[in-house]
Every structure is written in C-alpha cells, then in structure tokens.
C-alpha cells in the first residue's frame, strides 16, 4: 500500500469524519472505498461516451444496410 499526503476541504473532511463514526470504519478505509467507487464511475462514464460515439459512427452504415435489404426484398416481391 502507498502512503499519500492529501489535502481536503474542511467541510468534506468533517462530513467524512461524521460518516466514518456512524458506519464504524476507519477514515483510511472510507477514503479508499470512495476513490474506488469514483474510479468505477469514471470508467463507466468513459465507456458510455465511447459507446455513444461508436453508435453514432455506425448508425449511418446501419441505415444504408437496411435500405439495401429493403430494396432486395422489394425486388424479390416484384419477381413473384
């Protein structure tokens, strides 16, 4: 485990201290858990943005494929 020097806003520290007293864990464990959760949230937000960009990038191609399939289907109906 790494040792870290950390400066927190006084209000944030006081709130964290109130919480750790209520849930009976150490301040260190609480901060580790908070950073872990924030890391997970950040990864999810990044993946969400990436998914949105990739979905937009493929949307036009998907519409073109759908149009081509409809033309094929219409052509088959006219043959019968």
C-alpha atoms as a PDB file:
ATOM      1  CA  UNK A   1       0.000   0.000   0.000  1.00  0.00           C
ATOM      2  CA  UNK A   2       1.229   3.509  -0.822  1.00  0.00           C
ATOM      3  CA  UNK A   3       1.377   6.369   1.661  1.00  0.00           C
ATOM      4  CA  UNK A   4      -0.240   9.528   0.386  1.00  0.00           C
ATOM      5  CA  UNK A   5      -0.428  13.108   1.573  1.00  0.00           C
ATOM      6  CA  UNK A   6      -3.875  14.527   0.955  1.00  0.00           C
ATOM      7  CA  UNK A   7      -5.397  17.972   1.369  1.00  0.00           C
ATOM      8  CA  UNK A   8      -9.166  18.013   1.744  1.00  0.00           C
ATOM      9  CA  UNK A   9     -11.618  20.849   2.009  1.00  0.00           C
ATOM     10  CA  UNK A  10     -12.509  21.229   5.695  1.00  0.00           C
ATOM     11  CA  UNK A  11     -16.225  20.647   5.077  1.00  0.00           C
ATOM     12  CA  UNK A  12     -15.536  17.461   3.116  1.00  0.00           C
ATOM     13  CA  UNK A  13     -13.256  16.143   5.873  1.00  0.00           C
ATOM     14  CA  UNK A  14     -15.793  16.931   8.595  1.00  0.00           C
ATOM     15  CA  UNK A  15     -18.539  15.208   6.654  1.00  0.00           C
ATOM     16  CA  UNK A  16     -16.313  12.178   6.054  1.00  0.00           C
ATOM     17  CA  UNK A  17     -15.468  12.021   9.756  1.00  0.00           C
ATOM     18  CA  UNK A  18     -19.174  12.084  10.659  1.00  0.00           C
ATOM     19  CA  UNK A  19     -19.845   9.243   8.236  1.00  0.00           C
ATOM     20  CA  UNK A  20     -16.957   7.046   9.416  1.00  0.00           C
ATOM     21  CA  UNK A  21     -18.106   7.435  13.024  1.00  0.00           C
ATOM     22  CA  UNK A  22     -21.608   6.408  12.032  1.00  0.00           C
ATOM     23  CA  UNK A  23     -20.612   3.367   9.981  1.00  0.00           C
ATOM     24  CA  UNK A  24     -17.671   2.405  12.221  1.00  0.00           C
ATOM     25  CA  UNK A  25     -14.853   2.171   9.704  1.00  0.00           C
ATOM     26  CA  UNK A  26     -11.529   3.958   9.579  1.00  0.00           C
ATOM     27  CA  UNK A  27     -11.148   7.208   7.699  1.00  0.00           C
ATOM     28  CA  UNK A  28      -8.499   5.498   5.554  1.00  0.00           C
ATOM     29  CA  UNK A  29     -10.860   2.654   4.611  1.00  0.00           C
ATOM     30  CA  UNK A  30     -13.612   5.153   3.849  1.00  0.00           C
ATOM     31  CA  UNK A  31     -11.397   7.263   1.574  1.00  0.00           C
ATOM     32  CA  UNK A  32     -10.063   4.137  -0.181  1.00  0.00           C
ATOM     33  CA  UNK A  33     -13.622   2.976  -0.807  1.00  0.00           C
ATOM     34  CA  UNK A  34     -14.680   6.435  -2.026  1.00  0.00           C
ATOM     35  CA  UNK A  35     -11.776   6.621  -4.503  1.00  0.00           C
ATOM     36  CA  UNK A  36     -12.526   3.089  -5.697  1.00  0.00           C
ATOM     37  CA  UNK A  37     -16.178   3.982  -6.342  1.00  0.00           C
ATOM     38  CA  UNK A  38     -15.212   7.192  -8.120  1.00  0.00           C
ATOM     39  CA  UNK A  39     -12.787   5.246 -10.324  1.00  0.00           C
ATOM     40  CA  UNK A  40     -15.591   2.862 -11.266  1.00  0.00           C
ATOM     41  CA  UNK A  41     -17.926   5.763 -12.031  1.00  0.00           C
ATOM     42  CA  UNK A  42     -15.277   7.432 -14.176  1.00  0.00           C
ATOM     43  CA  UNK A  43     -14.674   4.218 -16.150  1.00  0.00           C
ATOM     44  CA  UNK A  44     -18.413   3.807 -16.746  1.00  0.00           C
ATOM     45  CA  UNK A  45     -18.773   7.397 -17.919  1.00  0.00           C
ATOM     46  CA  UNK A  46     -15.833   6.948 -20.282  1.00  0.00           C
ATOM     47  CA  UNK A  47     -17.310   3.730 -21.683  1.00  0.00           C
ATOM     48  CA  UNK A  48     -20.717   5.376 -22.051  1.00  0.00           C
ATOM     49  CA  UNK A  49     -19.229   8.241 -24.066  1.00  0.00           C
ATOM     50  CA  UNK A  50     -17.269   5.762 -26.184  1.00  0.00           C
ATOM     51  CA  UNK A  51     -20.387   3.679 -26.818  1.00  0.00           C
ATOM     52  CA  UNK A  52     -22.385   6.751 -27.841  1.00  0.00           C
ATOM     53  CA  UNK A  53     -19.662   7.839 -30.270  1.00  0.00           C
ATOM     54  CA  UNK A  54     -19.356   4.359 -31.768  1.00  0.00           C
ATOM     55  CA  UNK A  55     -23.137   4.030 -32.059  1.00  0.00           C
ATOM     56  CA  UNK A  56     -23.326   7.331 -33.926  1.00  0.00           C
ATOM     57  CA  UNK A  57     -20.479   6.220 -36.188  1.00  0.00           C
ATOM     58  CA  UNK A  58     -22.269   3.023 -37.161  1.00  0.00           C
ATOM     59  CA  UNK A  59     -25.785   4.464 -37.394  1.00  0.00           C
ATOM     60  CA  UNK A  60     -25.420   5.714 -40.974  1.00  0.00           C
ATOM     61  CA  UNK A  61     -23.957   2.425 -42.173  1.00  0.00           C
ATOM     62  CA  UNK A  62     -26.773   0.524 -40.463  1.00  0.00           C
ATOM     63  CA  UNK A  63     -29.367   2.683 -42.214  1.00  0.00           C
ATOM     64  CA  UNK A  64     -27.666   2.067 -45.569  1.00  0.00           C
ATOM     65  CA  UNK A  65     -27.655  -1.697 -44.990  1.00  0.00           C
ATOM     66  CA  UNK A  66     -31.329  -1.580 -44.006  1.00  0.00           C
ATOM     67  CA  UNK A  67     -32.141   0.389 -47.165  1.00  0.00           C
ATOM     68  CA  UNK A  68     -30.259  -2.120 -49.320  1.00  0.00           C
ATOM     69  CA  UNK A  69     -32.086  -5.030 -47.675  1.00  0.00           C
ATOM     70  CA  UNK A  70     -35.440  -3.347 -48.276  1.00  0.00           C
ATOM     71  CA  UNK A  71     -34.540  -2.885 -51.959  1.00  0.00           C
ATOM     72  CA  UNK A  72     -33.646  -6.570 -52.225  1.00  0.00           C
ATOM     73  CA  UNK A  73     -36.868  -7.534 -50.506  1.00  0.00           C
ATOM     74  CA  UNK A  74     -38.892  -5.281 -52.839  1.00  0.00           C
ATOM     75  CA  UNK A  75     -37.107  -6.785 -55.842  1.00  0.00           C
ATOM     76  CA  UNK A  76     -37.994 -10.305 -54.690  1.00  0.00           C
ATOM     77  CA  UNK A  77     -41.652  -9.334 -54.274  1.00  0.00           C
ATOM     78  CA  UNK A  78     -41.795  -7.964 -57.821  1.00  0.00           C
ATOM     79  CA  UNK A  79     -40.319 -11.190 -59.232  1.00  0.00           C
ATOM     80  CA  UNK A  80     -43.184 -13.218 -57.804  1.00  0.00           C
END
